[in-house]
Amino acid sequence: MDNPCLRCGACCAHYRVSFYWTEADPFLGGTVPPELTVPLNPTRAAMRGTLHAPVRCVALDGHIGETVSCTIYAGRSSPCRELEPWEEDGQPNERCNRARAAHGLPPLDPRSDKPGPGHSPLPLSA
């Protein structure tokens, strides 16, 4: 089954992407580029572009529903790593389908072949 994230990107243009601030601190092992984040409070940061409508993560490249990629894919934050298009049982992720609907995209169908652990939806941009 092909990867819908390669042409979707709706989650990157719908949800606030917030995470523990150390994910953007290279001195503490963080992989998210700090210049692409904004502080939320003393312990949380967020990706630029995801705090206020219209939401669009600064790291998203491409056109929603066509072809997209994450410019920091290898160093993306934990919320991005954790959001999968399908649940472990093969059912569509409700949050994914909600974001897709907000951008006029059809919902995902259940998967007949369940993805294994470590499925990586959105690739690093070329």
PDB file of N, CA and C in Angstrom:
ATOM      1  N   MET A   1       0.858  -1.182   0.000  1.00  0.00           N
ATOM      2  CA  MET A   1       0.000   0.000   0.000  1.00  0.00           C
ATOM      3  C   MET A   1       0.900   1.239   0.000  1.00  0.00           C
ATOM      4  N   ASP A   2       0.565   2.220  -0.817  1.00  0.00           N
ATOM      5  CA  ASP A   2       1.396   3.425  -0.878  1.00  0.00           C
ATOM      6  C   ASP A   2       1.185   4.289   0.363  1.00  0.00           C
ATOM      7  N   ASN A   3       2.066   5.234   0.554  1.00  0.00           N
ATOM      8  CA  ASN A   3       2.071   6.067   1.743  1.00  0.00           C
ATOM      9  C   ASN A   3       1.298   7.363   1.494  1.00  0.00           C
ATOM     10  N   PRO A   4       0.136   7.555   2.138  1.00  0.00           N
ATOM     11  CA  PRO A   4      -0.672   8.749   1.894  1.00  0.00           C
ATOM     12  C   PRO A   4      -0.008  10.035   2.378  1.00  0.00           C
ATOM     13  N   CYS A   5       0.931   9.930   3.302  1.00  0.00           N
ATOM     14  CA  CYS A   5       1.587  11.130   3.841  1.00  0.00           C
ATOM     15  C   CYS A   5       2.420  11.851   2.788  1.00  0.00           C
ATOM     16  N   LEU A   6       2.855  11.131   1.758  1.00  0.00           N
ATOM     17  CA  LEU A   6       3.694  11.736   0.723  1.00  0.00           C
ATOM     18  C   LEU A   6       2.943  12.749  -0.124  1.00  0.00           C
ATOM     19  N   ARG A   7       1.611  12.706  -0.076  1.00  0.00           N
ATOM     20  CA  ARG A   7       0.830  13.667  -0.852  1.00  0.00           C
ATOM     21  C   ARG A   7      -0.208  14.395   0.010  1.00  0.00           C
ATOM     22  N   CYS A   8      -0.167  14.185   1.299  1.00  0.00           N
ATOM     23  CA  CYS A   8      -1.180  14.788   2.166  1.00  0.00           C
ATOM     24  C   CYS A   8      -0.662  16.053   2.852  1.00  0.00           C
ATOM     25  N   GLY A   9      -0.015  15.917   3.999  1.00  0.00           N
ATOM     26  CA  GLY A   9       0.490  17.065   4.742  1.00  0.00           C
ATOM     27  C   GLY A   9      -0.556  17.790   5.567  1.00  0.00           C
ATOM     28  N   ALA A  10      -1.778  17.274   5.613  1.00  0.00           N
ATOM     29  CA  ALA A  10      -2.859  17.968   6.315  1.00  0.00           C
ATOM     30  C   ALA A  10      -2.576  18.132   7.805  1.00  0.00           C
ATOM     31  N   CYS A  11      -1.989  17.131   8.441  1.00  0.00           N
ATOM     32  CA  CYS A  11      -1.713  17.249   9.879  1.00  0.00           C
ATOM     33  C   CYS A  11      -0.740  18.388  10.153  1.00  0.00           C
ATOM     34  N   CYS A  12       0.209  18.612   9.241  1.00  0.00           N
ATOM     35  CA  CYS A  12       1.217  19.673   9.387  1.00  0.00           C
ATOM     36  C   CYS A  12       0.606  21.060   9.190  1.00  0.00           C
ATOM     37  N   ALA A  13      -0.590  21.107   8.653  1.00  0.00           N
ATOM     38  CA  ALA A  13      -1.268  22.375   8.395  1.00  0.00           C
ATOM     39  C   ALA A  13      -2.613  22.431   9.124  1.00  0.00           C
ATOM     40  N   HIS A  14      -2.703  21.682  10.239  1.00  0.00           N
ATOM     41  CA  HIS A  14      -3.956  21.668  10.994  1.00  0.00           C
ATOM     42  C   HIS A  14      -3.730  21.721  12.506  1.00  0.00           C
ATOM     43  N   TYR A  15      -2.720  21.020  12.997  1.00  0.00           N
ATOM     44  CA  TYR A  15      -2.504  20.899  14.437  1.00  0.00           C
ATOM     45  C   TYR A  15      -1.336  21.743  14.932  1.00  0.00           C
ATOM     46  N   ARG A  16      -1.438  22.191  16.179  1.00  0.00           N
ATOM     47  CA  ARG A  16      -0.288  22.807  16.835  1.00  0.00           C
ATOM     48  C   ARG A  16       0.702  21.690  17.139  1.00  0.00           C
ATOM     49  N   VAL A  17       1.957  21.917  16.824  1.00  0.00           N
ATOM     50  CA  VAL A  17       3.007  20.936  17.086  1.00  0.00           C
ATOM     51  C   VAL A  17       3.814  21.442  18.275  1.00  0.00           C
ATOM     52  N   SER A  18       3.491  20.932  19.469  1.00  0.00           N
ATOM     53  CA  SER A  18       4.197  21.366  20.671  1.00  0.00           C
ATOM     54  C   SER A  18       4.878  20.174  21.330  1.00  0.00           C
ATOM     55  N   PHE A  19       5.972  20.454  22.029  1.00  0.00           N
ATOM     56  CA  PHE A  19       6.804  19.393  22.587  1.00  0.00           C
ATOM     57  C   PHE A  19       7.675  19.963  23.700  1.00  0.00           C
ATOM     58  N   TYR A  20       8.318  19.076  24.452  1.00  0.00           N
ATOM     59  CA  TYR A  20       9.211  19.480  25.525  1.00  0.00           C
ATOM     60  C   TYR A  20      10.386  20.238  24.925  1.00  0.00           C
ATOM     61  N   TRP A  21      10.769  21.351  25.520  1.00  0.00           N
ATOM     62  CA  TRP A  21      11.749  22.279  24.954  1.00  0.00           C
ATOM     63  C   TRP A  21      13.095  21.648  24.633  1.00  0.00           C
ATOM     64  N   THR A  22      13.490  20.586  25.333  1.00  0.00           N
ATOM     65  CA  THR A  22      14.809  19.993  25.079  1.00  0.00           C
ATOM     66  C   THR A  22      14.918  19.362  23.698  1.00  0.00           C
ATOM     67  N   GLU A  23      13.785  19.088  23.058  1.00  0.00           N
ATOM     68  CA  GLU A  23      13.832  18.539  21.695  1.00  0.00           C
ATOM     69  C   GLU A  23      14.427  19.546  20.714  1.00  0.00           C
ATOM     70  N   ALA A  24      14.462  20.819  21.107  1.00  0.00           N
ATOM     71  CA  ALA A  24      15.027  21.866  20.250  1.00  0.00           C
ATOM     72  C   ALA A  24      16.313  22.450  20.843  1.00  0.00           C
ATOM     73  N   ASP A  25      16.921  21.737  21.775  1.00  0.00           N
ATOM     74  CA  ASP A  25      18.183  22.197  22.357  1.00  0.00           C
ATOM     75  C   ASP A  25      19.302  21.253  21.940  1.00  0.00           C
ATOM     76  N   PRO A  26      20.131  21.661  20.971  1.00  0.00           N
ATOM     77  CA  PRO A  26      21.178  20.770  20.464  1.00  0.00           C
ATOM     78  C   PRO A  26      22.194  20.371  21.532  1.00  0.00           C
ATOM     79  N   PHE A  27      22.369  21.183  22.568  1.00  0.00           N
ATOM     80  CA  PHE A  27      23.317  20.858  23.630  1.00  0.00           C
ATOM     81  C   PHE A  27      22.802  19.754  24.540  1.00  0.00           C
ATOM     82  N   LEU A  28      21.501  19.503  24.491  1.00  0.00           N
ATOM     83  CA  LEU A  28      20.899  18.439  25.295  1.00  0.00           C
ATOM     84  C   LEU A  28      20.434  17.273  24.429  1.00  0.00           C
ATOM     85  N   GLY A  29      20.906  17.216  23.193  1.00  0.00           N
ATOM     86  CA  GLY A  29      20.551  16.110  22.306  1.00  0.00           C
ATOM     87  C   GLY A  29      19.322  16.353  21.460  1.00  0.00           C
ATOM     88  N   GLY A  30      18.759  17.545  21.504  1.00  0.00           N
ATOM     89  CA  GLY A  30      17.584  17.856  20.696  1.00  0.00           C
ATOM     90  C   GLY A  30      17.906  17.862  19.213  1.00  0.00           C
ATOM     91  N   THR A  31      16.939  17.462  18.412  1.00  0.00           N
ATOM     92  CA  THR A  31      17.145  17.370  16.963  1.00  0.00           C
ATOM     93  C   THR A  31      16.321  18.366  16.161  1.00  0.00           C
ATOM     94  N   VAL A  32      15.368  19.021  16.800  1.00  0.00           N
ATOM     95  CA  VAL A  32      14.547  20.014  16.104  1.00  0.00           C
ATOM     96  C   VAL A  32      15.344  21.320  16.031  1.00  0.00           C
ATOM     97  N   PRO A  33      15.517  21.894  14.844  1.00  0.00           N
ATOM     98  CA  PRO A  33      16.257  23.154  14.743  1.00  0.00           C
ATOM     99  C   PRO A  33      15.581  24.251  15.584  1.00  0.00           C
ATOM    100  N   PRO A  34      16.286  24.805  16.570  1.00  0.00           N
ATOM    101  CA  PRO A  34      15.659  25.784  17.464  1.00  0.00           C
ATOM    102  C   PRO A  34      15.126  27.018  16.744  1.00  0.00           C
ATOM    103  N   GLU A  35      15.735  27.391  15.627  1.00  0.00           N
ATOM    104  CA  GLU A  35      15.268  28.576  14.898  1.00  0.00           C
ATOM    105  C   GLU A  35      13.898  28.358  14.251  1.00  0.00           C
ATOM    106  N   LEU A  36      13.434  27.115  14.217  1.00  0.00           N
ATOM    107  CA  LEU A  36      12.115  26.817  13.655  1.00  0.00           C
ATOM    108  C   LEU A  36      11.049  26.684  14.736  1.00  0.00           C
ATOM    109  N   THR A  37      11.411  27.019  15.979  1.00  0.00           N
ATOM    110  CA  THR A  37      10.482  26.867  17.097  1.00  0.00           C
ATOM    111  C   THR A  37      10.221  28.198  17.788  1.00  0.00           C
ATOM    112  N   VAL A  38       9.152  28.212  18.570  1.00  0.00           N
ATOM    113  CA  VAL A  38       8.832  29.346  19.439  1.00  0.00           C
ATOM    114  C   VAL A  38       8.542  28.792  20.831  1.00  0.00           C
ATOM    115  N   PRO A  39       8.924  29.520  21.887  1.00  0.00           N
ATOM    116  CA  PRO A  39       8.616  29.042  23.238  1.00  0.00           C
ATOM    117  C   PRO A  39       7.131  29.211  23.543  1.00  0.00           C
ATOM    118  N   LEU A  40       6.572  28.220  24.222  1.00  0.00           N
ATOM    119  CA  LEU A  40       5.178  28.316  24.687  1.00  0.00           C
ATOM    120  C   LEU A  40       5.143  28.722  26.152  1.00  0.00           C
ATOM    121  N   ASN A  41       6.016  28.112  26.930  1.00  0.00           N
ATOM    122  CA  ASN A  41       6.155  28.391  28.357  1.00  0.00           C
ATOM    123  C   ASN A  41       7.552  27.902  28.755  1.00  0.00           C
ATOM    124  N   PRO A  42       7.907  27.907  30.021  1.00  0.00           N
ATOM    125  CA  PRO A  42       9.269  27.505  30.385  1.00  0.00           C
ATOM    126  C   PRO A  42       9.641  26.055  30.035  1.00  0.00           C
ATOM    127  N   THR A  43       8.667  25.195  29.790  1.00  0.00           N
ATOM    128  CA  THR A  43       8.994  23.790  29.516  1.00  0.00           C
ATOM    129  C   THR A  43       8.559  23.288  28.144  1.00  0.00           C
ATOM    130  N   ARG A  44       7.804  24.082  27.396  1.00  0.00           N
ATOM    131  CA  ARG A  44       7.272  23.624  26.110  1.00  0.00           C
ATOM    132  C   ARG A  44       7.637  24.595  24.994  1.00  0.00           C
ATOM    133  N   ALA A  45       7.841  24.021  23.806  1.00  0.00           N
ATOM    134  CA  ALA A  45       8.081  24.806  22.592  1.00  0.00           C
ATOM    135  C   ALA A  45       7.106  24.316  21.530  1.00  0.00           C
ATOM    136  N   ALA A  46       7.004  25.063  20.450  1.00  0.00           N
ATOM    137  CA  ALA A  46       6.131  24.668  19.339  1.00  0.00           C
ATOM    138  C   ALA A  46       6.815  25.013  18.031  1.00  0.00           C
ATOM    139  N   MET A  47       6.433  24.302  16.994  1.00  0.00           N
ATOM    140  CA  MET A  47       6.953  24.610  15.668  1.00  0.00           C
ATOM    141  C   MET A  47       6.358  25.936  15.205  1.00  0.00           C
ATOM    142  N   ARG A  48       7.187  26.773  14.618  1.00  0.00           N
ATOM    143  CA  ARG A  48       6.706  28.030  14.041  1.00  0.00           C
ATOM    144  C   ARG A  48       5.630  27.712  12.998  1.00  0.00           C
ATOM    145  N   GLY A  49       4.627  28.540  12.969  1.00  0.00           N
ATOM    146  CA  GLY A  49       3.548  28.372  12.003  1.00  0.00           C
ATOM    147  C   GLY A  49       2.393  27.526  12.489  1.00  0.00           C
ATOM    148  N   THR A  50       2.529  26.924  13.700  1.00  0.00           N
ATOM    149  CA  THR A  50       1.453  26.049  14.163  1.00  0.00           C
ATOM    150  C   THR A  50       0.670  26.608  15.346  1.00  0.00           C
ATOM    151  N   LEU A  51       0.946  27.837  15.745  1.00  0.00           N
ATOM    152  CA  LEU A  51       0.257  28.397  16.914  1.00  0.00           C
ATOM    153  C   LEU A  51      -1.078  29.045  16.592  1.00  0.00           C
ATOM    154  N   HIS A  52      -1.188  29.669  15.437  1.00  0.00           N
ATOM    155  CA  HIS A  52      -2.397  30.424  15.110  1.00  0.00           C
ATOM    156  C   HIS A  52      -2.860  30.098  13.691  1.00  0.00           C
ATOM    157  N   ALA A  53      -4.158  30.236  13.481  1.00  0.00           N
ATOM    158  CA  ALA A  53      -4.712  30.016  12.141  1.00  0.00           C
ATOM    159  C   ALA A  53      -4.267  31.139  11.216  1.00  0.00           C
ATOM    160  N   PRO A  54      -4.021  30.874   9.987  1.00  0.00           N
ATOM    161  CA  PRO A  54      -3.997  29.548   9.373  1.00  0.00           C
ATOM    162  C   PRO A  54      -2.725  28.797   9.761  1.00  0.00           C
ATOM    163  N   VAL A  55      -2.900  27.558  10.189  1.00  0.00           N
ATOM    164  CA  VAL A  55      -1.785  26.725  10.644  1.00  0.00           C
ATOM    165  C   VAL A  55      -1.053  26.137   9.449  1.00  0.00           C
ATOM    166  N   ARG A  56       0.264  26.241   9.488  1.00  0.00           N
ATOM    167  CA  ARG A  56       1.125  25.548   8.523  1.00  0.00           C
ATOM    168  C   ARG A  56       2.527  25.503   9.126  1.00  0.00           C
ATOM    169  N   CYS A  57       2.989  24.315   9.440  1.00  0.00           N
ATOM    170  CA  CYS A  57       4.316  24.153  10.014  1.00  0.00           C
ATOM    171  C   CYS A  57       5.362  24.714   9.062  1.00  0.00           C
ATOM    172  N   VAL A  58       6.309  25.452   9.613  1.00  0.00           N
ATOM    173  CA  VAL A  58       7.362  26.068   8.817  1.00  0.00           C
ATOM    174  C   VAL A  58       8.227  25.015   8.112  1.00  0.00           C
ATOM    175  N   ALA A  59       8.251  23.796   8.614  1.00  0.00           N
ATOM    176  CA  ALA A  59       9.073  22.737   8.016  1.00  0.00           C
ATOM    177  C   ALA A  59       8.356  21.985   6.892  1.00  0.00           C
ATOM    178  N   LEU A  60       7.093  22.285   6.661  1.00  0.00           N
ATOM    179  CA  LEU A  60       6.345  21.607   5.597  1.00  0.00           C
ATOM    180  C   LEU A  60       6.658  22.234   4.248  1.00  0.00           C
ATOM    181  N   ASP A  61       7.015  21.405   3.302  1.00  0.00           N
ATOM    182  CA  ASP A  61       7.311  21.857   1.945  1.00  0.00           C
ATOM    183  C   ASP A  61       6.309  21.201   1.002  1.00  0.00           C
ATOM    184  N   GLY A  62       5.804  21.938   0.045  1.00  0.00           N
ATOM    185  CA  GLY A  62       4.892  21.374  -0.941  1.00  0.00           C
ATOM    186  C   GLY A  62       3.475  21.884  -0.785  1.00  0.00           C
ATOM    187  N   HIS A  63       2.552  21.214  -1.469  1.00  0.00           N
ATOM    188  CA  HIS A  63       1.147  21.611  -1.507  1.00  0.00           C
ATOM    189  C   HIS A  63       0.286  20.518  -0.889  1.00  0.00           C
ATOM    190  N   ILE A  64      -0.547  20.914   0.082  1.00  0.00           N
ATOM    191  CA  ILE A  64      -1.429  19.983   0.778  1.00  0.00           C
ATOM    192  C   ILE A  64      -2.267  19.215  -0.235  1.00  0.00           C
ATOM    193  N   GLY A  65      -2.311  17.900  -0.059  1.00  0.00           N
ATOM    194  CA  GLY A  65      -3.123  17.053  -0.917  1.00  0.00           C
ATOM    195  C   GLY A  65      -2.479  16.711  -2.243  1.00  0.00           C
ATOM    196  N   GLU A  66      -1.285  17.220  -2.490  1.00  0.00           N
ATOM    197  CA  GLU A  66      -0.588  16.926  -3.749  1.00  0.00           C
ATOM    198  C   GLU A  66       0.717  16.194  -3.448  1.00  0.00           C
ATOM    199  N   THR A  67       1.806  16.936  -3.293  1.00  0.00           N
ATOM    200  CA  THR A  67       3.091  16.350  -2.931  1.00  0.00           C
ATOM    201  C   THR A  67       3.693  17.186  -1.822  1.00  0.00           C
ATOM    202  N   VAL A  68       4.061  16.542  -0.714  1.00  0.00           N
ATOM    203  CA  VAL A  68       4.623  17.250   0.425  1.00  0.00           C
ATOM    204  C   VAL A  68       5.834  16.509   0.975  1.00  0.00           C
ATOM    205  N   SER A  69       6.634  17.234   1.740  1.00  0.00           N
ATOM    206  CA  SER A  69       7.739  16.622   2.475  1.00  0.00           C
ATOM    207  C   SER A  69       8.049  17.494   3.682  1.00  0.00           C
ATOM    208  N   CYS A  70       8.755  16.911   4.623  1.00  0.00           N
ATOM    209  CA  CYS A  70       9.181  17.613   5.822  1.00  0.00           C
ATOM    210  C   CYS A  70      10.653  17.962   5.655  1.00  0.00           C
ATOM    211  N   THR A  71      10.965  19.243   5.748  1.00  0.00           N
ATOM    212  CA  THR A  71      12.346  19.673   5.535  1.00  0.00           C
ATOM    213  C   THR A  71      13.265  19.299   6.693  1.00  0.00           C
ATOM    214  N   ILE A  72      12.693  18.862   7.826  1.00  0.00           N
ATOM    215  CA  ILE A  72      13.504  18.416   8.964  1.00  0.00           C
ATOM    216  C   ILE A  72      13.130  16.991   9.363  1.00  0.00           C
ATOM    217  N   TYR A  73      12.710  16.191   8.420  1.00  0.00           N
ATOM    218  CA  TYR A  73      12.179  14.861   8.700  1.00  0.00           C
ATOM    219  C   TYR A  73      13.042  14.064   9.678  1.00  0.00           C
ATOM    220  N   ALA A  74      14.330  13.985   9.449  1.00  0.00           N
ATOM    221  CA  ALA A  74      15.205  13.188  10.316  1.00  0.00           C
ATOM    222  C   ALA A  74      15.251  13.741  11.738  1.00  0.00           C
ATOM    223  N   GLY A  75      15.008  15.033  11.907  1.00  0.00           N
ATOM    224  CA  GLY A  75      15.064  15.652  13.222  1.00  0.00           C
ATOM    225  C   GLY A  75      13.731  16.147  13.718  1.00  0.00           C
ATOM    226  N   ARG A  76      12.638  15.641  13.156  1.00  0.00           N
ATOM    227  CA  ARG A  76      11.307  16.136  13.524  1.00  0.00           C
ATOM    228  C   ARG A  76      11.000  15.849  14.996  1.00  0.00           C
ATOM    229  N   SER A  77      10.021  16.548  15.527  1.00  0.00           N
ATOM    230  CA  SER A  77       9.663  16.445  16.942  1.00  0.00           C
ATOM    231  C   SER A  77       8.891  15.164  17.244  1.00  0.00           C
ATOM    232  N   SER A  78       8.780  14.863  18.533  1.00  0.00           N
ATOM    233  CA  SER A  78       8.086  13.644  18.953  1.00  0.00           C
ATOM    234  C   SER A  78       6.620  13.600  18.514  1.00  0.00           C
ATOM    235  N   PRO A  79       5.843  14.702  18.565  1.00  0.00           N
ATOM    236  CA  PRO A  79       4.460  14.588  18.088  1.00  0.00           C
ATOM    237  C   PRO A  79       4.388  14.170  16.617  1.00  0.00           C
ATOM    238  N   CYS A  80       5.337  14.644  15.823  1.00  0.00           N
ATOM    239  CA  CYS A  80       5.355  14.285  14.401  1.00  0.00           C
ATOM    240  C   CYS A  80       5.767  12.828  14.215  1.00  0.00           C
ATOM    241  N   ARG A  81       6.685  12.362  15.039  1.00  0.00           N
ATOM    242  CA  ARG A  81       7.119  10.963  14.959  1.00  0.00           C
ATOM    243  C   ARG A  81       5.996  10.018  15.375  1.00  0.00           C
ATOM    244  N   GLU A  82       5.162  10.468  16.302  1.00  0.00           N
ATOM    245  CA  GLU A  82       4.130   9.604  16.875  1.00  0.00           C
ATOM    246  C   GLU A  82       2.836   9.554  16.074  1.00  0.00           C
ATOM    247  N   LEU A  83       2.542  10.572  15.287  1.00  0.00           N
ATOM    248  CA  LEU A  83       1.285  10.590  14.535  1.00  0.00           C
ATOM    249  C   LEU A  83       1.400   9.712  13.295  1.00  0.00           C
ATOM    250  N   GLU A  84       0.638   8.659  13.262  1.00  0.00           N
ATOM    251  CA  GLU A  84       0.630   7.708  12.151  1.00  0.00           C
ATOM    252  C   GLU A  84      -0.710   7.801  11.421  1.00  0.00           C
ATOM    253  N   PRO A  85      -0.742   7.527  10.123  1.00  0.00           N
ATOM    254  CA  PRO A  85      -2.013   7.591   9.405  1.00  0.00           C
ATOM    255  C   PRO A  85      -2.992   6.488   9.810  1.00  0.00           C
ATOM    256  N   TRP A  86      -2.468   5.348  10.263  1.00  0.00           N
ATOM    257  CA  TRP A  86      -3.327   4.248  10.699  1.00  0.00           C
ATOM    258  C   TRP A  86      -2.956   3.820  12.105  1.00  0.00           C
ATOM    259  N   GLU A  87      -3.943   3.328  12.823  1.00  0.00           N
ATOM    260  CA  GLU A  87      -3.714   2.745  14.139  1.00  0.00           C
ATOM    261  C   GLU A  87      -3.091   1.362  13.951  1.00  0.00           C
ATOM    262  N   GLU A  88      -2.639   0.761  15.041  1.00  0.00           N
ATOM    263  CA  GLU A  88      -1.999  -0.559  14.961  1.00  0.00           C
ATOM    264  C   GLU A  88      -2.929  -1.623  14.396  1.00  0.00           C
ATOM    265  N   ASP A  89      -4.240  -1.462  14.609  1.00  0.00           N
ATOM    266  CA  ASP A  89      -5.195  -2.454  14.106  1.00  0.00           C
ATOM    267  C   ASP A  89      -5.573  -2.229  12.644  1.00  0.00           C
ATOM    268  N   GLY A  90      -4.944  -1.239  12.004  1.00  0.00           N
ATOM    269  CA  GLY A  90      -5.219  -0.975  10.595  1.00  0.00           C
ATOM    270  C   GLY A  90      -6.328   0.026  10.340  1.00  0.00           C
ATOM    271  N   GLN A  91      -6.980   0.496  11.403  1.00  0.00           N
ATOM    272  CA  GLN A  91      -8.035   1.498  11.245  1.00  0.00           C
ATOM    273  C   GLN A  91      -7.401   2.875  11.048  1.00  0.00           C
ATOM    274  N   PRO A  92      -8.051   3.746  10.289  1.00  0.00           N
ATOM    275  CA  PRO A  92      -7.506   5.093  10.086  1.00  0.00           C
ATOM    276  C   PRO A  92      -7.397   5.847  11.409  1.00  0.00           C
ATOM    277  N   ASN A  93      -6.362   6.636  11.539  1.00  0.00           N
ATOM    278  CA  ASN A  93      -6.180   7.482  12.706  1.00  0.00           C
ATOM    279  C   ASN A  93      -7.217   8.603  12.633  1.00  0.00           C
ATOM    280  N   GLU A  94      -8.007   8.741  13.685  1.00  0.00           N
ATOM    281  CA  GLU A  94      -9.074   9.750  13.715  1.00  0.00           C
ATOM    282  C   GLU A  94      -8.516  11.168  13.561  1.00  0.00           C
ATOM    283  N   ARG A  95      -7.376  11.449  14.191  1.00  0.00           N
ATOM    284  CA  ARG A  95      -6.775  12.785  14.086  1.00  0.00           C
ATOM    285  C   ARG A  95      -6.313  13.056  12.657  1.00  0.00           C
ATOM    286  N   CYS A  96      -5.787  12.045  12.003  1.00  0.00           N
ATOM    287  CA  CYS A  96      -5.355  12.188  10.613  1.00  0.00           C
ATOM    288  C   CYS A  96      -6.565  12.506   9.728  1.00  0.00           C
ATOM    289  N   ASN A  97      -7.625  11.735   9.878  1.00  0.00           N
ATOM    290  CA  ASN A  97      -8.816  11.967   9.057  1.00  0.00           C
ATOM    291  C   ASN A  97      -9.469  13.316   9.354  1.00  0.00           C
ATOM    292  N   ARG A  98      -9.397  13.781  10.604  1.00  0.00           N
ATOM    293  CA  ARG A  98      -9.939  15.096  10.950  1.00  0.00           C
ATOM    294  C   ARG A  98      -9.160  16.195  10.215  1.00  0.00           C
ATOM    295  N   ALA A  99      -7.840  16.084  10.197  1.00  0.00           N
ATOM    296  CA  ALA A  99      -7.014  17.070   9.493  1.00  0.00           C
ATOM    297  C   ALA A  99      -7.269  17.005   7.992  1.00  0.00           C
ATOM    298  N   ARG A 100      -7.398  15.799   7.463  1.00  0.00           N
ATOM    299  CA  ARG A 100      -7.676  15.633   6.033  1.00  0.00           C
ATOM    300  C   ARG A 100      -9.005  16.303   5.675  1.00  0.00           C
ATOM    301  N   ALA A 101     -10.024  16.090   6.494  1.00  0.00           N
ATOM    302  CA  ALA A 101     -11.341  16.678   6.227  1.00  0.00           C
ATOM    303  C   ALA A 101     -11.267  18.206   6.235  1.00  0.00           C
ATOM    304  N   ALA A 102     -10.475  18.769   7.140  1.00  0.00           N
ATOM    305  CA  ALA A 102     -10.342  20.225   7.221  1.00  0.00           C
ATOM    306  C   ALA A 102      -9.735  20.816   5.954  1.00  0.00           C
ATOM    307  N   HIS A 103      -9.024  19.994   5.194  1.00  0.00           N
ATOM    308  CA  HIS A 103      -8.404  20.449   3.946  1.00  0.00           C
ATOM    309  C   HIS A 103      -9.119  19.903   2.710  1.00  0.00           C
ATOM    310  N   GLY A 104     -10.327  19.354   2.920  1.00  0.00           N
ATOM    311  CA  GLY A 104     -11.120  18.869   1.797  1.00  0.00           C
ATOM    312  C   GLY A 104     -10.623  17.571   1.190  1.00  0.00           C
ATOM    313  N   LEU A 105      -9.817  16.820   1.945  1.00  0.00           N
ATOM    314  CA  LEU A 105      -9.310  15.540   1.446  1.00  0.00           C
ATOM    315  C   LEU A 105     -10.200  14.407   1.944  1.00  0.00           C
ATOM    316  N   PRO A 106     -10.338  13.343   1.179  1.00  0.00           N
ATOM    317  CA  PRO A 106     -11.172  12.225   1.622  1.00  0.00           C
ATOM    318  C   PRO A 106     -10.526  11.485   2.790  1.00  0.00           C
ATOM    319  N   PRO A 107     -11.343  10.823   3.608  1.00  0.00           N
ATOM    320  CA  PRO A 107     -10.774  10.062   4.725  1.00  0.00           C
ATOM    321  C   PRO A 107      -9.990   8.858   4.212  1.00  0.00           C
ATOM    322  N   LEU A 108      -9.056   8.413   5.022  1.00  0.00           N
ATOM    323  CA  LEU A 108      -8.315   7.198   4.692  1.00  0.00           C
ATOM    324  C   LEU A 108      -9.206   5.992   4.935  1.00  0.00           C
ATOM    325  N   ASP A 109      -9.041   4.978   4.139  1.00  0.00           N
ATOM    326  CA  ASP A 109      -9.728   3.706   4.342  1.00  0.00           C
ATOM    327  C   ASP A 109      -8.910   2.853   5.302  1.00  0.00           C
ATOM    328  N   PRO A 110      -9.551   1.867   5.941  1.00  0.00           N
ATOM    329  CA  PRO A 110      -8.778   0.940   6.779  1.00  0.00           C
ATOM    330  C   PRO A 110      -7.726   0.222   5.933  1.00  0.00           C
ATOM    331  N   ARG A 111      -6.633  -0.122   6.574  1.00  0.00           N
ATOM    332  CA  ARG A 111      -5.563  -0.873   5.898  1.00  0.00           C
ATOM    333  C   ARG A 111      -5.838  -2.353   6.010  1.00  0.00           C
ATOM    334  N   SER A 112      -5.569  -3.073   4.944  1.00  0.00           N
ATOM    335  CA  SER A 112      -5.651  -4.526   5.024  1.00  0.00           C
ATOM    336  C   SER A 112      -4.300  -5.088   5.437  1.00  0.00           C
ATOM    337  N   ASP A 113      -3.222  -4.399   5.074  1.00  0.00           N
ATOM    338  CA  ASP A 113      -1.874  -4.792   5.504  1.00  0.00           C
ATOM    339  C   ASP A 113      -1.436  -3.807   6.573  1.00  0.00           C
ATOM    340  N   LYS A 114      -1.286  -4.283   7.780  1.00  0.00           N
ATOM    341  CA  LYS A 114      -0.973  -3.401   8.901  1.00  0.00           C
ATOM    342  C   LYS A 114       0.506  -3.008   8.868  1.00  0.00           C
ATOM    343  N   PRO A 115       0.804  -1.698   9.076  1.00  0.00           N
ATOM    344  CA  PRO A 115       2.201  -1.263   9.079  1.00  0.00           C
ATOM    345  C   PRO A 115       2.947  -1.805  10.287  1.00  0.00           C
ATOM    346  N   GLY A 116       4.216  -2.049  10.123  1.00  0.00           N
ATOM    347  CA  GLY A 116       5.040  -2.527  11.226  1.00  0.00           C
ATOM    348  C   GLY A 116       5.543  -1.373  12.068  1.00  0.00           C
ATOM    349  N   PRO A 117       6.206  -1.698  13.177  1.00  0.00           N
ATOM    350  CA  PRO A 117       6.764  -0.649  14.024  1.00  0.00           C
ATOM    351  C   PRO A 117       7.790   0.173  13.253  1.00  0.00           C
ATOM    352  N   GLY A 118       7.855   1.445  13.578  1.00  0.00           N
ATOM    353  CA  GLY A 118       8.830   2.306  12.938  1.00  0.00           C
ATOM    354  C   GLY A 118       8.411   2.819  11.583  1.00  0.00           C
ATOM    355  N   HIS A 119       7.133   2.635  11.202  1.00  0.00           N
ATOM    356  CA  HIS A 119       6.637   3.178   9.931  1.00  0.00           C
ATOM    357  C   HIS A 119       6.907   4.673   9.934  1.00  0.00           C
ATOM    358  N   SER A 120       7.523   5.171   8.906  1.00  0.00           N
ATOM    359  CA  SER A 120       7.869   6.590   8.820  1.00  0.00           C
ATOM    360  C   SER A 120       7.082   7.245   7.708  1.00  0.00           C
ATOM    361  N   PRO A 121       6.024   8.003   8.046  1.00  0.00           N
ATOM    362  CA  PRO A 121       5.156   8.525   7.014  1.00  0.00           C
ATOM    363  C   PRO A 121       5.732   9.594   6.091  1.00  0.00           C
ATOM    364  N   LEU A 122       6.236  10.683   6.592  1.00  0.00           N
ATOM    365  CA  LEU A 122       6.595  11.815   5.738  1.00  0.00           C
ATOM    366  C   LEU A 122       8.103  11.873   5.531  1.00  0.00           C
ATOM    367  N   PRO A 123       8.594  11.837   4.291  1.00  0.00           N
ATOM    368  CA  PRO A 123      10.032  11.768   4.046  1.00  0.00           C
ATOM    369  C   PRO A 123      10.734  13.112   4.175  1.00  0.00           C
ATOM    370  N   LEU A 124      12.032  13.027   4.359  1.00  0.00           N
ATOM    371  CA  LEU A 124      12.884  14.203   4.337  1.00  0.00           C
ATOM    372  C   LEU A 124      12.866  14.749   2.933  1.00  0.00           C
ATOM    373  N   SER A 125      12.789  16.059   2.806  1.00  0.00           N
ATOM    374  CA  SER A 125      12.746  16.633   1.464  1.00  0.00           C
ATOM    375  C   SER A 125      14.083  16.450   0.773  1.00  0.00           C
ATOM    376  N   ALA A 126      14.024  16.418  -0.542  1.00  0.00           N
ATOM    377  CA  ALA A 126      15.244  16.218  -1.329  1.00  0.00           C
ATOM    378  C   ALA A 126      15.960  17.527  -1.529  1.00  0.00           C
TER     379      ALA A 126
END
